[in-house]
């Protein structure tokens, strides 16, 4: 078995595969990958607006599911899932609000 492995490695080295892979591994220049044009990323206010709109939509879906459950148009499981998702979204929104208020307070305490 050892002879077979050594025969494979000698065949690969005589084939030049190992030599070419070792020389390409240590090239100094960086390859051109293309796509170097500027990527427009959304601004912070756009991202916050999108997140807040998503939160509002989830809370509205929870309210609609609760109303549908009262009317008998939705199962209890659907109502519970929608309300739990709305509650989770609301808790996340409150946590983000608290972080923003805390950051504002820290900035206002800085000496200029």
C-alpha atoms as a PDB file:
ATOM      1  CA  UNK A   1       0.000   0.000   0.000  1.00  0.00           C
ATOM      2  CA  UNK A   2       2.862   2.381   0.813  1.00  0.00           C
ATOM      3  CA  UNK A   3       4.400   1.647  -2.583  1.00  0.00           C
ATOM      4  CA  UNK A   4       1.104   2.545  -4.272  1.00  0.00           C
ATOM      5  CA  UNK A   5       0.926   5.878  -2.428  1.00  0.00           C
ATOM      6  CA  UNK A   6       4.493   6.758  -3.246  1.00  0.00           C
ATOM      7  CA  UNK A   7       3.859   5.826  -6.876  1.00  0.00           C
ATOM      8  CA  UNK A   8       0.860   8.163  -6.939  1.00  0.00           C
ATOM      9  CA  UNK A   9       2.794  11.066  -5.453  1.00  0.00           C
ATOM     10  CA  UNK A  10       5.730  10.578  -7.791  1.00  0.00           C
ATOM     11  CA  UNK A  11       3.381  10.393 -10.768  1.00  0.00           C
ATOM     12  CA  UNK A  12       1.667  13.590  -9.654  1.00  0.00           C
ATOM     13  CA  UNK A  13       4.958  15.404  -9.134  1.00  0.00           C
ATOM     14  CA  UNK A  14       6.290  14.254 -12.505  1.00  0.00           C
ATOM     15  CA  UNK A  15       3.028  15.379 -14.051  1.00  0.00           C
ATOM     16  CA  UNK A  16       3.593  18.897 -12.784  1.00  0.00           C
ATOM     17  CA  UNK A  17       0.323  19.162 -10.898  1.00  0.00           C
ATOM     18  CA  UNK A  18       1.932  19.613  -7.504  1.00  0.00           C
ATOM     19  CA  UNK A  19       4.489  22.055  -8.868  1.00  0.00           C
ATOM     20  CA  UNK A  20       1.874  24.290 -10.444  1.00  0.00           C
ATOM     21  CA  UNK A  21      -0.342  24.249  -7.368  1.00  0.00           C
ATOM     22  CA  UNK A  22       2.546  25.185  -5.092  1.00  0.00           C
ATOM     23  CA  UNK A  23       3.586  28.069  -7.333  1.00  0.00           C
ATOM     24  CA  UNK A  24       0.064  29.475  -7.593  1.00  0.00           C
ATOM     25  CA  UNK A  25      -0.411  29.299  -3.850  1.00  0.00           C
ATOM     26  CA  UNK A  26       2.365  31.823  -3.184  1.00  0.00           C
ATOM     27  CA  UNK A  27       1.704  34.428  -5.843  1.00  0.00           C
ATOM     28  CA  UNK A  28       2.257  38.024  -4.700  1.00  0.00           C
ATOM     29  CA  UNK A  29      -0.350  39.681  -6.875  1.00  0.00           C
ATOM     30  CA  UNK A  30      -4.047  39.603  -6.132  1.00  0.00           C
ATOM     31  CA  UNK A  31      -6.251  38.162  -8.840  1.00  0.00           C
ATOM     32  CA  UNK A  32      -8.803  40.362 -10.566  1.00  0.00           C
ATOM     33  CA  UNK A  33     -12.230  39.164  -9.553  1.00  0.00           C
ATOM     34  CA  UNK A  34     -14.246  41.873 -11.220  1.00  0.00           C
ATOM     35  CA  UNK A  35     -17.215  43.531  -9.618  1.00  0.00           C
ATOM     36  CA  UNK A  36     -15.198  46.311  -8.038  1.00  0.00           C
ATOM     37  CA  UNK A  37     -17.838  48.927  -8.668  1.00  0.00           C
ATOM     38  CA  UNK A  38     -19.338  50.551  -5.603  1.00  0.00           C
ATOM     39  CA  UNK A  39     -22.168  48.691  -3.964  1.00  0.00           C
ATOM     40  CA  UNK A  40     -24.835  50.969  -2.629  1.00  0.00           C
ATOM     41  CA  UNK A  41     -25.722  49.913   0.867  1.00  0.00           C
ATOM     42  CA  UNK A  42     -28.886  51.150   2.526  1.00  0.00           C
ATOM     43  CA  UNK A  43     -28.491  53.962   5.003  1.00  0.00           C
ATOM     44  CA  UNK A  44     -29.109  53.470   8.701  1.00  0.00           C
ATOM     45  CA  UNK A  45     -32.381  55.371   8.553  1.00  0.00           C
ATOM     46  CA  UNK A  46     -33.579  53.225   5.632  1.00  0.00           C
ATOM     47  CA  UNK A  47     -32.695  50.050   7.515  1.00  0.00           C
ATOM     48  CA  UNK A  48     -34.462  51.267  10.660  1.00  0.00           C
ATOM     49  CA  UNK A  49     -37.518  52.269   8.635  1.00  0.00           C
ATOM     50  CA  UNK A  50     -37.661  48.821   7.058  1.00  0.00           C
ATOM     51  CA  UNK A  51     -37.303  47.086  10.428  1.00  0.00           C
ATOM     52  CA  UNK A  52     -39.950  49.268  12.048  1.00  0.00           C
ATOM     53  CA  UNK A  53     -42.375  48.718   9.161  1.00  0.00           C
ATOM     54  CA  UNK A  54     -41.843  44.971   9.458  1.00  0.00           C
ATOM     55  CA  UNK A  55     -42.545  45.188  13.200  1.00  0.00           C
ATOM     56  CA  UNK A  56     -45.708  47.173  12.595  1.00  0.00           C
ATOM     57  CA  UNK A  57     -46.881  44.601  10.046  1.00  0.00           C
ATOM     58  CA  UNK A  58     -46.293  41.712  12.469  1.00  0.00           C
ATOM     59  CA  UNK A  59     -48.218  43.448  15.245  1.00  0.00           C
ATOM     60  CA  UNK A  60     -51.081  44.162  12.825  1.00  0.00           C
ATOM     61  CA  UNK A  61     -51.094  40.491  11.765  1.00  0.00           C
ATOM     62  CA  UNK A  62     -51.300  39.484  15.433  1.00  0.00           C
ATOM     63  CA  UNK A  63     -54.238  41.815  15.997  1.00  0.00           C
ATOM     64  CA  UNK A  64     -55.987  40.547  12.875  1.00  0.00           C
ATOM     65  CA  UNK A  65     -55.480  36.946  13.965  1.00  0.00           C
ATOM     66  CA  UNK A  66     -56.886  37.733  17.412  1.00  0.00           C
ATOM     67  CA  UNK A  67     -59.968  39.329  15.858  1.00  0.00           C
ATOM     68  CA  UNK A  68     -60.368  36.387  13.483  1.00  0.00           C
ATOM     69  CA  UNK A  69     -60.111  34.033  16.458  1.00  0.00           C
ATOM     70  CA  UNK A  70     -62.839  35.887  18.319  1.00  0.00           C
ATOM     71  CA  UNK A  71     -65.061  35.685  15.233  1.00  0.00           C
ATOM     72  CA  UNK A  72     -64.332  31.956  14.959  1.00  0.00           C
ATOM     73  CA  UNK A  73     -62.539  32.248  11.616  1.00  0.00           C
ATOM     74  CA  UNK A  74     -59.113  31.164  12.903  1.00  0.00           C
ATOM     75  CA  UNK A  75     -58.006  28.276  15.062  1.00  0.00           C
ATOM     76  CA  UNK A  76     -56.630  28.782  18.536  1.00  0.00           C
ATOM     77  CA  UNK A  77     -53.203  27.634  17.385  1.00  0.00           C
ATOM     78  CA  UNK A  78     -53.083  30.242  14.618  1.00  0.00           C
ATOM     79  CA  UNK A  79     -54.103  32.971  17.038  1.00  0.00           C
ATOM     80  CA  UNK A  80     -51.527  31.942  19.631  1.00  0.00           C
ATOM     81  CA  UNK A  81     -48.735  31.758  17.026  1.00  0.00           C
ATOM     82  CA  UNK A  82     -49.570  35.185  15.597  1.00  0.00           C
ATOM     83  CA  UNK A  83     -49.866  36.795  19.027  1.00  0.00           C
ATOM     84  CA  UNK A  84     -46.609  35.225  20.224  1.00  0.00           C
ATOM     85  CA  UNK A  85     -44.821  36.461  17.104  1.00  0.00           C
ATOM     86  CA  UNK A  86     -46.264  39.947  17.648  1.00  0.00           C
ATOM     87  CA  UNK A  87     -45.190  39.864  21.296  1.00  0.00           C
ATOM     88  CA  UNK A  88     -41.664  38.803  20.353  1.00  0.00           C
ATOM     89  CA  UNK A  89     -41.484  41.599  17.778  1.00  0.00           C
ATOM     90  CA  UNK A  90     -42.729  44.126  20.310  1.00  0.00           C
ATOM     91  CA  UNK A  91     -40.131  43.020  22.864  1.00  0.00           C
ATOM     92  CA  UNK A  92     -37.406  43.368  20.224  1.00  0.00           C
ATOM     93  CA  UNK A  93     -38.626  46.846  19.306  1.00  0.00           C
ATOM     94  CA  UNK A  94     -38.612  47.882  22.967  1.00  0.00           C
ATOM     95  CA  UNK A  95     -35.072  46.553  23.403  1.00  0.00           C
ATOM     96  CA  UNK A  96     -33.891  48.492  20.339  1.00  0.00           C
ATOM     97  CA  UNK A  97     -35.612  51.642  21.614  1.00  0.00           C
ATOM     98  CA  UNK A  98     -33.910  51.255  25.001  1.00  0.00           C
ATOM     99  CA  UNK A  99     -30.509  50.859  23.326  1.00  0.00           C
ATOM    100  CA  UNK A 100     -31.063  53.959  21.182  1.00  0.00           C
ATOM    101  CA  UNK A 101     -32.137  56.029  24.207  1.00  0.00           C
ATOM    102  CA  UNK A 102     -29.139  54.752  26.181  1.00  0.00           C
ATOM    103  CA  UNK A 103     -26.780  55.660  23.319  1.00  0.00           C
ATOM    104  CA  UNK A 104     -28.315  59.135  23.081  1.00  0.00           C
ATOM    105  CA  UNK A 105     -27.854  59.663  26.809  1.00  0.00           C
ATOM    106  CA  UNK A 106     -24.218  58.551  26.609  1.00  0.00           C
ATOM    107  CA  UNK A 107     -23.571  60.942  23.735  1.00  0.00           C
ATOM    108  CA  UNK A 108     -25.243  63.816  25.570  1.00  0.00           C
ATOM    109  CA  UNK A 109     -23.003  63.202  28.607  1.00  0.00           C
ATOM    110  CA  UNK A 110     -19.802  63.533  26.543  1.00  0.00           C
ATOM    111  CA  UNK A 111     -17.769  66.656  27.039  1.00  0.00           C
ATOM    112  CA  UNK A 112     -16.993  68.638  23.962  1.00  0.00           C
END
